């Protein structure tokens, strides 16, 4: 999921960030943490996750509280709580984190 090109300005900012933070450079990334560009999950699991995310977004979008008549009273916190966090939870739902994980908002 990498764009075909990155603007030169963005590349420059990234290079500057890395050069300014050399003391935090990691050694070689272990193979277990590297990605070969292929999906790790089966198409069935990817489809289930996609359906979960889209159902979550559909629930939010169909909620009358997000209708045009209330748009002026909504704030960032409401949006994060009712749209972003449920979408994140739907995305991470079946990952093998166990009970040791916690998503903070």
C-alpha atoms as a PDB file:
ATOM      1  CA  UNK A   1       0.000   0.000   0.000  1.00  0.00           C
ATOM      2  CA  UNK A   2       2.649   2.479  -1.074  1.00  0.00           C
ATOM      3  CA  UNK A   3       1.913   5.413  -3.368  1.00  0.00           C
ATOM      4  CA  UNK A   4       3.662   5.272  -6.722  1.00  0.00           C
ATOM      5  CA  UNK A   5       5.621   8.428  -5.915  1.00  0.00           C
ATOM      6  CA  UNK A   6       6.352  10.613  -2.923  1.00  0.00           C
ATOM      7  CA  UNK A   7       6.684  14.393  -3.341  1.00  0.00           C
ATOM      8  CA  UNK A   8      10.278  15.603  -3.129  1.00  0.00           C
ATOM      9  CA  UNK A   9       9.398  17.932  -0.247  1.00  0.00           C
ATOM     10  CA  UNK A  10       8.059  15.000   1.794  1.00  0.00           C
ATOM     11  CA  UNK A  11      11.176  12.960   1.066  1.00  0.00           C
ATOM     12  CA  UNK A  12      13.351  15.904   2.159  1.00  0.00           C
ATOM     13  CA  UNK A  13      11.456  16.281   5.428  1.00  0.00           C
ATOM     14  CA  UNK A  14      11.829  12.548   6.105  1.00  0.00           C
ATOM     15  CA  UNK A  15      15.561  12.590   5.335  1.00  0.00           C
ATOM     16  CA  UNK A  16      16.040  15.600   7.630  1.00  0.00           C
ATOM     17  CA  UNK A  17      14.111  13.885  10.405  1.00  0.00           C
ATOM     18  CA  UNK A  18      16.264  10.758  10.150  1.00  0.00           C
ATOM     19  CA  UNK A  19      19.524  12.686  10.025  1.00  0.00           C
ATOM     20  CA  UNK A  20      18.481  14.745  13.074  1.00  0.00           C
ATOM     21  CA  UNK A  21      17.634  11.603  15.037  1.00  0.00           C
ATOM     22  CA  UNK A  22      20.540   9.332  14.211  1.00  0.00           C
ATOM     23  CA  UNK A  23      20.973   8.355  17.853  1.00  0.00           C
ATOM     24  CA  UNK A  24      17.609   6.597  17.647  1.00  0.00           C
ATOM     25  CA  UNK A  25      18.474   4.543  14.570  1.00  0.00           C
ATOM     26  CA  UNK A  26      17.503   0.908  14.832  1.00  0.00           C
ATOM     27  CA  UNK A  27      19.829  -1.839  13.866  1.00  0.00           C
ATOM     28  CA  UNK A  28      18.768  -4.188  11.093  1.00  0.00           C
ATOM     29  CA  UNK A  29      15.047  -4.923  11.315  1.00  0.00           C
ATOM     30  CA  UNK A  30      14.493  -8.555  12.317  1.00  0.00           C
ATOM     31  CA  UNK A  31      12.907 -10.717   9.609  1.00  0.00           C
ATOM     32  CA  UNK A  32       9.848 -11.272  11.775  1.00  0.00           C
ATOM     33  CA  UNK A  33       9.148  -7.516  11.667  1.00  0.00           C
ATOM     34  CA  UNK A  34       9.824  -6.996   7.978  1.00  0.00           C
ATOM     35  CA  UNK A  35       7.141  -7.056   5.316  1.00  0.00           C
ATOM     36  CA  UNK A  36       7.539  -8.580   1.870  1.00  0.00           C
ATOM     37  CA  UNK A  37       4.637  -6.668   0.289  1.00  0.00           C
ATOM     38  CA  UNK A  38       2.241  -9.622   0.348  1.00  0.00           C
ATOM     39  CA  UNK A  39      -0.936  -9.823   2.406  1.00  0.00           C
ATOM     40  CA  UNK A  40      -0.388 -11.928   5.521  1.00  0.00           C
ATOM     41  CA  UNK A  41      -4.048 -12.953   5.837  1.00  0.00           C
ATOM     42  CA  UNK A  42      -6.222 -14.983   3.513  1.00  0.00           C
ATOM     43  CA  UNK A  43      -8.735 -13.330   1.206  1.00  0.00           C
ATOM     44  CA  UNK A  44     -11.523 -14.634   3.449  1.00  0.00           C
ATOM     45  CA  UNK A  45     -10.110 -12.894   6.520  1.00  0.00           C
ATOM     46  CA  UNK A  46      -9.404  -9.693   4.563  1.00  0.00           C
ATOM     47  CA  UNK A  47     -12.996  -9.736   3.311  1.00  0.00           C
ATOM     48  CA  UNK A  48     -14.357 -10.257   6.838  1.00  0.00           C
ATOM     49  CA  UNK A  49     -12.264  -7.370   8.186  1.00  0.00           C
ATOM     50  CA  UNK A  50     -13.371  -5.129   5.311  1.00  0.00           C
ATOM     51  CA  UNK A  51     -17.026  -5.970   5.948  1.00  0.00           C
ATOM     52  CA  UNK A  52     -16.557  -5.224   9.650  1.00  0.00           C
ATOM     53  CA  UNK A  53     -15.008  -1.829   8.925  1.00  0.00           C
ATOM     54  CA  UNK A  54     -17.679  -0.904   6.375  1.00  0.00           C
ATOM     55  CA  UNK A  55     -20.499  -2.036   8.673  1.00  0.00           C
ATOM     56  CA  UNK A  56     -19.045   0.103  11.446  1.00  0.00           C
ATOM     57  CA  UNK A  57     -18.853   3.126   9.152  1.00  0.00           C
ATOM     58  CA  UNK A  58     -22.374   2.447   7.877  1.00  0.00           C
ATOM     59  CA  UNK A  59     -23.686   2.406  11.447  1.00  0.00           C
ATOM     60  CA  UNK A  60     -22.048   5.757  12.091  1.00  0.00           C
ATOM     61  CA  UNK A  61     -23.225   7.341   8.842  1.00  0.00           C
ATOM     62  CA  UNK A  62     -26.809   6.136   9.341  1.00  0.00           C
ATOM     63  CA  UNK A  63     -26.899   7.505  12.884  1.00  0.00           C
ATOM     64  CA  UNK A  64     -29.310  10.480  12.974  1.00  0.00           C
ATOM     65  CA  UNK A  65     -26.928  12.268  15.364  1.00  0.00           C
ATOM     66  CA  UNK A  66     -24.603  12.777  12.383  1.00  0.00           C
ATOM     67  CA  UNK A  67     -27.330  14.188  10.139  1.00  0.00           C
ATOM     68  CA  UNK A  68     -27.116  17.628   8.523  1.00  0.00           C
ATOM     69  CA  UNK A  69     -29.280  19.261  11.177  1.00  0.00           C
ATOM     70  CA  UNK A  70     -26.752  18.403  13.916  1.00  0.00           C
ATOM     71  CA  UNK A  71     -23.532  19.001  12.017  1.00  0.00           C
ATOM     72  CA  UNK A  72     -22.992  22.377  13.692  1.00  0.00           C
ATOM     73  CA  UNK A  73     -23.054  20.859  17.170  1.00  0.00           C
ATOM     74  CA  UNK A  74     -20.554  18.066  16.485  1.00  0.00           C
ATOM     75  CA  UNK A  75     -16.931  18.352  17.497  1.00  0.00           C
ATOM     76  CA  UNK A  76     -13.756  16.401  16.921  1.00  0.00           C
ATOM     77  CA  UNK A  77     -14.203  14.363  20.108  1.00  0.00           C
ATOM     78  CA  UNK A  78     -17.653  13.213  19.033  1.00  0.00           C
ATOM     79  CA  UNK A  79     -16.330  12.153  15.641  1.00  0.00           C
ATOM     80  CA  UNK A  80     -13.335  10.334  17.118  1.00  0.00           C
ATOM     81  CA  UNK A  81     -15.487   8.536  19.697  1.00  0.00           C
ATOM     82  CA  UNK A  82     -18.290   7.540  17.354  1.00  0.00           C
ATOM     83  CA  UNK A  83     -16.528   6.978  14.019  1.00  0.00           C
ATOM     84  CA  UNK A  84     -12.748   6.669  14.285  1.00  0.00           C
ATOM     85  CA  UNK A  85     -12.450   4.484  17.402  1.00  0.00           C
ATOM     86  CA  UNK A  86     -15.105   1.944  16.289  1.00  0.00           C
ATOM     87  CA  UNK A  87     -13.391   1.720  12.877  1.00  0.00           C
ATOM     88  CA  UNK A  88     -10.032   1.093  14.575  1.00  0.00           C
ATOM     89  CA  UNK A  89     -11.598  -1.574  16.788  1.00  0.00           C
ATOM     90  CA  UNK A  90     -13.191  -3.252  13.765  1.00  0.00           C
ATOM     91  CA  UNK A  91      -9.807  -3.219  12.039  1.00  0.00           C
ATOM     92  CA  UNK A  92      -7.905  -4.720  14.973  1.00  0.00           C
ATOM     93  CA  UNK A  93     -10.669  -7.025  16.209  1.00  0.00           C
ATOM     94  CA  UNK A  94      -9.184 -10.405  15.323  1.00  0.00           C
ATOM     95  CA  UNK A  95      -5.495  -9.678  15.610  1.00  0.00           C
ATOM     96  CA  UNK A  96      -3.594 -12.002  17.956  1.00  0.00           C
ATOM     97  CA  UNK A  97      -2.895  -9.425  20.676  1.00  0.00           C
ATOM     98  CA  UNK A  98      -4.657 -11.324  23.426  1.00  0.00           C
ATOM     99  CA  UNK A  99      -5.665  -9.572  26.603  1.00  0.00           C
ATOM    100  CA  UNK A 100      -2.373  -7.702  26.858  1.00  0.00           C
ATOM    101  CA  UNK A 101      -3.417  -5.036  24.349  1.00  0.00           C
ATOM    102  CA  UNK A 102      -5.139  -1.741  25.002  1.00  0.00           C
ATOM    103  CA  UNK A 103      -6.255   0.936  22.574  1.00  0.00           C
ATOM    104  CA  UNK A 104      -6.177   4.367  24.121  1.00  0.00           C
ATOM    105  CA  UNK A 105      -8.268   7.202  22.771  1.00  0.00           C
END
